[in-house]
């Protein structure tokens, strides 16, 4: 496994847990060749992949990881195994994408600091033909709520993400205020998940539970309660594919008529393309349960140099072979550092040694 370090500079704070310091991230590539199964020339099931399908297969050897210590990622000295585990799960996911599966899809817009928004900035969402807006809240809820209610939201489906920043009492008060928003789709992670708390909160507004905490290694209340027949006190499950997910769990959730929302980690261009491909893959399996994804996050950064290689035109992402090929050509020209599980060096030391060699 190989990595290339990058830094993304947020324009402002990205959520209630973070400030606007540069975010450390890594492009990752896996050069382990897959074992090929040969088929005889007379095999009637043998189908030659199209150039697009071959390109996608080659792109699957890349992944993306952005560091979120505020959300439970290990600190840099202990990050290596965690990062490799995430990438390994991504590399091993059994994609079965055909060219016909590459459907256009709209993303929600992610709005991190709307208390500073001006009228013309709302026009950007209209011009981009966004249907869904997701607002980050939880820094100073009452101030944020006042700013939010001053916006014209009637044309949009609205999502709220509190990043578990409130306690139960604060959450109940907040949800009572938020339920007045027209076209409110759900409120994500108002507080840490708990059977009693969420069973009360879901009576006020629809709730969404992010799956991120489970990947960090912390045992959550949701995991303690997990089981096919146990009630789930939320209506939407937020899935971050590049940090891992359980396909059997998604199947059980859809049986219980829960909705699924794929989101990225506010990472770089590889992560955006990967979310698109995961969306196309899972849309085949869950056509009625997969809702508008959230991966339009590049505008939150001032130095996002690969924006022109994304598939976005406003809210709409369409597959564009030339852009994907150009991104892969760009990745091939980068400088890569090798990682392996047996190396006792920490990621911090590996990066430090590499920087010394460049001096």
Protein backbone atom coordinates (compact mmCIF):
# COMPACT_ATOMS: atom_id res chain seq x y z
CA UNK A 1 0.00 0.00 0.00
CA UNK A 2 1.28 3.49 -0.86
CA UNK A 3 0.24 6.96 0.30
CA UNK A 4 0.55 10.55 -0.91
CA UNK A 5 0.01 13.27 1.68
CA UNK A 6 -2.16 16.33 1.00
CA UNK A 7 -3.51 19.25 3.03
CA UNK A 8 -6.91 20.88 2.51
CA UNK A 9 -7.49 24.38 3.89
CA UNK A 10 -11.08 24.95 5.05
CA UNK A 11 -12.58 28.34 4.28
CA UNK A 12 -14.14 28.23 7.74
CA UNK A 13 -15.01 25.77 10.50
CA UNK A 14 -16.43 22.59 8.94
CA UNK A 15 -18.60 21.49 11.87
CA UNK A 16 -19.18 21.98 15.58
CA UNK A 17 -16.20 19.76 16.44
CA UNK A 18 -13.53 21.48 14.35
CA UNK A 19 -11.84 24.79 13.62
CA UNK A 20 -10.49 25.92 10.27
CA UNK A 21 -6.98 24.51 10.59
CA UNK A 22 -5.62 22.66 7.52
CA UNK A 23 -6.89 19.10 7.27
CA UNK A 24 -4.38 16.31 6.73
CA UNK A 25 -5.33 13.73 4.14
CA UNK A 26 -3.86 10.95 2.02
CA UNK A 27 -4.41 9.51 -1.40
CA UNK A 28 -3.84 5.77 -1.11
CA UNK A 29 -3.11 3.20 -3.77
CA UNK A 30 -2.93 -0.56 -3.68
CA UNK A 31 -0.72 -2.22 -6.27
CA UNK A 32 -1.43 -5.80 -5.24
CA UNK A 33 -2.53 -7.50 -8.43
CA UNK A 34 -5.81 -9.33 -8.21
CA UNK A 35 -5.78 -13.00 -9.03
CA UNK A 36 -7.26 -13.46 -12.46
CA UNK A 37 -9.50 -16.37 -13.30
CA UNK A 38 -9.11 -17.59 -16.82
CA UNK A 39 -12.10 -18.49 -18.90
CA UNK A 40 -12.01 -20.69 -21.91
CA UNK A 41 -12.80 -19.15 -25.25
CA UNK A 42 -15.96 -21.23 -25.45
CA UNK A 43 -17.33 -19.90 -22.13
CA UNK A 44 -20.67 -18.28 -23.02
CA UNK A 45 -20.48 -16.05 -19.90
CA UNK A 46 -17.19 -14.50 -20.93
CA UNK A 47 -17.79 -10.81 -21.64
CA UNK A 48 -15.03 -8.41 -22.57
CA UNK A 49 -15.22 -5.31 -20.31
CA UNK A 50 -15.74 -1.99 -22.03
CA UNK A 51 -12.99 0.67 -21.89
CA UNK A 52 -15.05 2.53 -19.27
CA UNK A 53 -15.41 -0.58 -17.11
CA UNK A 54 -11.66 -1.22 -17.37
CA UNK A 55 -10.96 2.37 -16.34
CA UNK A 56 -13.23 2.04 -13.29
CA UNK A 57 -11.60 -1.25 -12.32
CA UNK A 58 -8.17 0.38 -12.46
CA UNK A 59 -9.40 3.36 -10.44
CA UNK A 60 -10.57 1.04 -7.69
CA UNK A 61 -6.91 0.60 -6.71
CA UNK A 62 -7.02 4.16 -5.31
CA UNK A 63 -8.62 5.36 -2.08
CA UNK A 64 -8.82 8.53 0.01
CA UNK A 65 -8.43 9.21 3.72
CA UNK A 66 -8.78 12.51 5.56
CA UNK A 67 -7.84 12.72 9.23
CA UNK A 68 -10.63 13.51 11.71
CA UNK A 69 -9.17 13.27 15.24
CA UNK A 70 -12.10 15.41 16.45
CA UNK A 71 -14.46 12.58 15.50
CA UNK A 72 -12.41 9.76 17.03
CA UNK A 73 -9.55 9.04 14.61
CA UNK A 74 -6.30 8.07 16.37
CA UNK A 75 -3.63 10.74 16.68
CA UNK A 76 -1.01 10.81 13.94
CA UNK A 77 1.56 8.59 15.76
CA UNK A 78 -1.07 5.79 16.01
CA UNK A 79 -2.84 6.45 12.71
CA UNK A 80 -1.07 4.04 10.33
CA UNK A 81 -2.96 0.81 11.09
CA UNK A 82 -6.27 2.67 11.26
CA UNK A 83 -5.68 4.27 7.85
CA UNK A 84 -4.61 0.96 6.30
CA UNK A 85 -7.67 -0.80 7.68
CA UNK A 86 -9.95 1.80 6.12
CA UNK A 87 -8.24 1.59 2.74
CA UNK A 88 -8.15 -2.20 2.83
CA UNK A 89 -11.90 -2.35 3.35
CA UNK A 90 -12.42 -0.03 0.40
CA UNK A 91 -10.09 -2.00 -1.87
CA UNK A 92 -11.81 -5.31 -1.03
CA UNK A 93 -15.39 -4.17 -1.56
CA UNK A 94 -16.90 -6.41 -4.27
CA UNK A 95 -17.96 -3.91 -6.93
CA UNK A 96 -19.95 -5.21 -9.91
CA UNK A 97 -20.40 -2.00 -11.87
CA UNK A 98 -21.29 -2.01 -15.53
CA UNK A 99 -21.26 1.01 -17.77
CA UNK A 100 -25.07 1.06 -17.74
CA UNK A 101 -25.02 1.49 -13.94
CA UNK A 102 -23.37 4.93 -14.14
CA UNK A 103 -26.44 7.01 -13.51
CA UNK A 104 -26.40 10.81 -12.97
CA UNK A 105 -27.02 11.79 -9.36
CA UNK A 106 -27.51 15.00 -7.43
CA UNK A 107 -25.71 15.69 -4.16
CA UNK A 108 -26.95 17.78 -1.28
CA UNK A 109 -25.12 21.06 -0.69
CA UNK A 110 -23.21 21.12 2.59
CA UNK A 111 -23.44 24.47 4.36
CA UNK A 112 -21.05 24.83 7.28
CA UNK A 113 -21.31 28.54 8.23
CA UNK A 114 -24.65 30.01 7.16
CA UNK A 115 -24.66 32.58 9.96
CA UNK A 116 -22.31 34.54 7.67
CA UNK A 117 -24.26 33.97 4.47
CA UNK A 118 -25.50 36.78 2.28
CA UNK A 119 -28.50 36.71 -0.03
CA UNK A 120 -26.48 36.11 -3.18
CA UNK A 121 -24.98 32.96 -1.67
CA UNK A 122 -28.43 31.38 -1.51
CA UNK A 123 -28.71 32.16 -5.21
CA UNK A 124 -25.70 29.89 -5.79
CA UNK A 125 -27.77 26.95 -4.60
CA UNK A 126 -30.59 27.93 -6.90
CA UNK A 127 -28.26 28.34 -9.87
CA UNK A 128 -26.68 24.97 -9.08
CA UNK A 129 -30.15 23.38 -8.98
CA UNK A 130 -29.67 21.89 -5.54
CA UNK A 131 -32.77 20.22 -4.12
CA UNK A 132 -31.33 19.34 -0.71
CA UNK A 133 -29.36 21.53 1.71
CA UNK A 134 -27.53 20.13 4.72
CA UNK A 135 -26.65 22.55 7.52
CA UNK A 136 -23.99 21.95 10.15
CA UNK A 137 -25.10 23.13 13.59
CA UNK A 138 -24.00 22.84 17.23
CA UNK A 139 -21.41 25.56 17.77
CA UNK A 140 -23.93 28.04 19.24
CA UNK A 141 -27.32 26.56 18.52
CA UNK A 142 -29.57 29.54 19.27
CA UNK A 143 -27.47 31.92 17.16
CA UNK A 144 -27.33 29.36 14.36
CA UNK A 145 -31.06 28.71 14.55
CA UNK A 146 -31.83 32.42 14.26
CA UNK A 147 -29.61 32.68 11.16
CA UNK A 148 -31.12 29.52 9.69
CA UNK A 149 -34.70 30.73 10.10
CA UNK A 150 -33.74 33.94 8.29
CA UNK A 151 -33.02 31.99 5.09
CA UNK A 152 -35.61 31.20 2.45
CA UNK A 153 -35.71 27.41 2.64
CA UNK A 154 -39.10 26.73 1.05
CA UNK A 155 -37.58 25.43 -2.18
CA UNK A 156 -35.35 22.85 -0.49
CA UNK A 157 -35.41 19.64 1.45
CA UNK A 158 -33.48 20.45 4.64
CA UNK A 159 -31.07 18.28 6.60
CA UNK A 160 -29.50 19.28 9.93
CA UNK A 161 -26.33 17.74 11.38
CA UNK A 162 -25.49 18.46 15.02
CA UNK A 163 -22.50 16.06 15.26
CA UNK A 164 -23.69 14.87 18.70
CA UNK A 165 -22.87 18.29 20.16
CA UNK A 166 -25.86 18.50 22.54
CA UNK A 167 -26.99 16.58 25.61
CA UNK A 168 -30.47 15.04 25.78
CA UNK A 169 -32.20 18.07 27.31
CA UNK A 170 -30.57 20.45 24.83
CA UNK A 171 -31.42 18.10 21.96
CA UNK A 172 -35.09 17.97 22.91
CA UNK A 173 -35.27 21.76 23.02
CA UNK A 174 -33.39 22.07 19.73
CA UNK A 175 -35.62 19.57 17.92
CA UNK A 176 -38.73 21.38 19.12
CA UNK A 177 -37.34 24.49 17.44
CA UNK A 178 -36.14 22.73 14.29
CA UNK A 179 -39.42 20.94 13.60
CA UNK A 180 -40.82 24.27 12.40
CA UNK A 181 -38.48 24.27 9.40
CA UNK A 182 -40.46 23.68 6.20
CA UNK A 183 -39.48 20.46 4.38
CA UNK A 184 -37.26 19.17 7.19
CA UNK A 185 -36.04 15.74 6.09
CA UNK A 186 -34.11 14.74 9.21
CA UNK A 187 -31.82 15.82 12.04
CA UNK A 188 -28.57 13.88 12.22
CA UNK A 189 -26.87 12.96 15.50
CA UNK A 190 -28.47 15.51 17.82
CA UNK A 191 -26.81 13.70 20.74
CA UNK A 192 -24.97 10.42 21.35
CA UNK A 193 -27.19 7.51 20.38
CA UNK A 194 -29.04 5.85 23.24
CA UNK A 195 -32.15 3.68 23.34
CA UNK A 196 -34.18 5.84 25.72
CA UNK A 197 -32.97 9.20 24.45
CA UNK A 198 -33.55 8.52 20.80
CA UNK A 199 -36.89 6.78 21.34
CA UNK A 200 -38.07 10.09 22.81
CA UNK A 201 -36.36 12.34 20.27
CA UNK A 202 -37.70 10.49 17.23
CA UNK A 203 -41.21 11.45 18.32
CA UNK A 204 -40.34 15.09 17.53
CA UNK A 205 -38.59 14.89 14.14
CA UNK A 206 -37.13 12.17 11.89
CA UNK A 207 -33.61 11.25 13.02
CA UNK A 208 -30.48 10.10 11.20
CA UNK A 209 -27.63 8.08 12.74
CA UNK A 210 -24.11 8.36 11.35
CA UNK A 211 -22.13 5.10 11.24
CA UNK A 212 -18.75 6.76 11.70
CA UNK A 213 -18.26 6.19 15.43
CA UNK A 214 -18.45 2.42 15.03
CA UNK A 215 -15.44 2.38 12.73
CA UNK A 216 -13.24 4.22 15.23
CA UNK A 217 -13.29 1.19 17.51
CA UNK A 218 -15.49 2.70 20.22
CA UNK A 219 -18.39 0.43 21.20
CA UNK A 220 -21.53 2.48 20.74
CA UNK A 221 -24.99 2.09 22.23
CA UNK A 222 -26.23 1.26 18.74
CA UNK A 223 -23.85 -1.68 18.52
CA UNK A 224 -24.91 -2.94 21.95
CA UNK A 225 -28.53 -2.91 20.79
CA UNK A 226 -27.86 -4.23 17.29
CA UNK A 227 -29.92 -7.16 16.17
CA UNK A 228 -32.22 -7.96 13.30
CA UNK A 229 -35.40 -7.70 15.35
CA UNK A 230 -34.47 -4.92 17.73
CA UNK A 231 -36.05 -1.51 17.13
CA UNK A 232 -33.85 1.17 15.61
CA UNK A 233 -34.77 4.63 16.85
CA UNK A 234 -33.93 6.51 13.69
CA UNK A 235 -35.33 6.73 10.21
CA UNK A 236 -32.13 7.36 8.22
CA UNK A 237 -28.72 5.69 8.37
CA UNK A 238 -25.74 7.80 7.29
CA UNK A 239 -23.14 5.59 5.60
CA UNK A 240 -19.53 6.63 4.98
CA UNK A 241 -18.25 3.91 2.63
CA UNK A 242 -14.58 4.90 2.78
CA UNK A 243 -14.57 4.20 6.52
CA UNK A 244 -16.35 0.88 6.21
CA UNK A 245 -19.90 -0.42 6.44
CA UNK A 246 -21.76 -3.69 6.86
CA UNK A 247 -23.79 -4.80 3.87
CA UNK A 248 -25.85 -7.27 5.99
CA UNK A 249 -26.72 -4.38 8.33
CA UNK A 250 -27.91 -2.27 5.39
CA UNK A 251 -30.09 -5.14 4.22
CA UNK A 252 -31.65 -5.47 7.69
CA UNK A 253 -32.24 -1.73 7.87
CA UNK A 254 -34.00 -1.65 4.52
CA UNK A 255 -36.21 -4.54 5.66
CA UNK A 256 -37.19 -2.24 8.53
CA UNK A 257 -37.89 0.48 5.93
CA UNK A 258 -35.01 2.70 6.99
CA UNK A 259 -33.49 5.07 4.43
CA UNK A 260 -29.79 5.16 3.51
CA UNK A 261 -27.69 8.27 2.82
CA UNK A 262 -24.12 7.96 1.52
CA UNK A 263 -21.71 10.76 2.40
CA UNK A 264 -18.01 11.42 2.01
CA UNK A 265 -15.59 12.53 4.72
CA UNK A 266 -15.06 16.01 3.20
CA UNK A 267 -12.01 14.44 1.58
CA UNK A 268 -10.35 14.97 -1.79
CA UNK A 269 -11.16 14.11 -5.41
CA UNK A 270 -10.54 10.37 -5.11
CA UNK A 271 -13.05 10.23 -2.26
CA UNK A 272 -15.68 12.07 -4.30
CA UNK A 273 -15.34 9.69 -7.24
CA UNK A 274 -15.43 6.70 -4.90
CA UNK A 275 -18.69 7.87 -3.29
CA UNK A 276 -20.21 8.21 -6.76
CA UNK A 277 -19.26 4.63 -7.61
CA UNK A 278 -20.54 3.33 -4.27
CA UNK A 279 -23.81 5.15 -4.92
CA UNK A 280 -24.17 3.53 -8.35
CA UNK A 281 -23.35 0.11 -6.90
CA UNK A 282 -25.74 0.31 -3.93
CA UNK A 283 -28.49 1.91 -6.01
CA UNK A 284 -28.80 -1.42 -7.80
CA UNK A 285 -29.36 -3.24 -4.51
CA UNK A 286 -31.46 -0.62 -2.70
CA UNK A 287 -33.25 1.38 -5.41
CA UNK A 288 -36.05 2.56 -3.10
CA UNK A 289 -34.02 3.17 0.05
CA UNK A 290 -31.00 5.12 -1.17
CA UNK A 291 -31.63 8.83 -0.80
CA UNK A 292 -29.79 11.92 -2.10
CA UNK A 293 -26.10 11.46 -1.20
CA UNK A 294 -23.81 14.11 0.25
CA UNK A 295 -20.42 14.52 -1.42
CA UNK A 296 -20.42 18.08 -2.80
CA UNK A 297 -17.83 19.38 -0.32
CA UNK A 298 -14.97 20.72 -2.45
CA UNK A 299 -16.29 24.31 -2.21
CA UNK A 300 -15.62 24.26 1.55
CA UNK A 301 -11.87 24.47 0.87
CA UNK A 302 -9.77 27.30 -0.54
CA UNK A 303 -7.07 25.09 -2.08
CA UNK A 304 -9.03 22.20 -3.62
CA UNK A 305 -6.89 21.86 -6.74
CA UNK A 306 -8.70 18.95 -8.38
CA UNK A 307 -12.20 20.49 -8.57
CA UNK A 308 -12.06 20.52 -12.38
CA UNK A 309 -11.63 16.73 -12.35
CA UNK A 310 -14.89 16.07 -10.49
CA UNK A 311 -18.11 15.13 -12.24
CA UNK A 312 -20.14 18.01 -10.80
CA UNK A 313 -22.07 20.65 -12.71
CA UNK A 314 -23.81 22.40 -9.85
CA UNK A 315 -25.57 19.72 -7.82
CA UNK A 316 -25.51 17.14 -10.60
CA UNK A 317 -22.72 14.59 -10.95
CA UNK A 318 -22.43 12.77 -14.26
CA UNK A 319 -19.85 10.21 -15.23
CA UNK A 320 -17.20 11.77 -17.46
CA UNK A 321 -14.56 9.33 -18.67
CA UNK A 322 -12.09 12.06 -19.64
CA UNK A 323 -12.08 13.58 -16.17
CA UNK A 324 -11.58 10.26 -14.44
CA UNK A 325 -8.74 9.37 -16.81
CA UNK A 326 -7.10 12.76 -16.21
CA UNK A 327 -7.37 12.29 -12.44
CA UNK A 328 -5.70 8.88 -12.71
CA UNK A 329 -2.95 10.35 -14.90
CA UNK A 330 -2.43 13.03 -12.25
CA UNK A 331 -2.28 10.44 -9.46
CA UNK A 332 0.28 8.40 -11.36
CA UNK A 333 2.65 11.39 -11.42
CA UNK A 334 2.57 11.95 -7.65
CA UNK A 335 5.29 10.89 -5.22
CA UNK A 336 4.21 7.89 -3.14
CA UNK A 337 5.45 6.50 0.19
CA UNK A 338 5.16 2.79 0.94
CA UNK A 339 3.23 1.52 3.99
CA UNK A 340 2.95 -1.98 5.37
CA UNK A 341 1.67 -3.53 8.59
CA UNK A 342 5.01 -5.07 9.52
CA UNK A 343 6.91 -1.78 9.46
CA UNK A 344 7.34 -0.63 13.06
CA UNK A 345 7.68 3.01 12.03
CA UNK A 346 4.70 5.23 12.87
CA UNK A 347 3.01 7.21 10.09
CA UNK A 348 4.33 10.37 11.73
CA UNK A 349 7.93 9.10 11.49
CA UNK A 350 7.48 7.88 7.91
CA UNK A 351 6.27 11.34 6.86
CA UNK A 352 9.05 13.04 8.80
CA UNK A 353 11.75 10.88 7.20
CA UNK A 354 10.32 11.52 3.73
CA UNK A 355 10.36 15.29 4.29
CA UNK A 356 14.00 15.13 5.43
CA UNK A 357 14.97 13.31 2.22
CA UNK A 358 13.40 16.10 0.14
CA UNK A 359 15.45 18.83 1.82
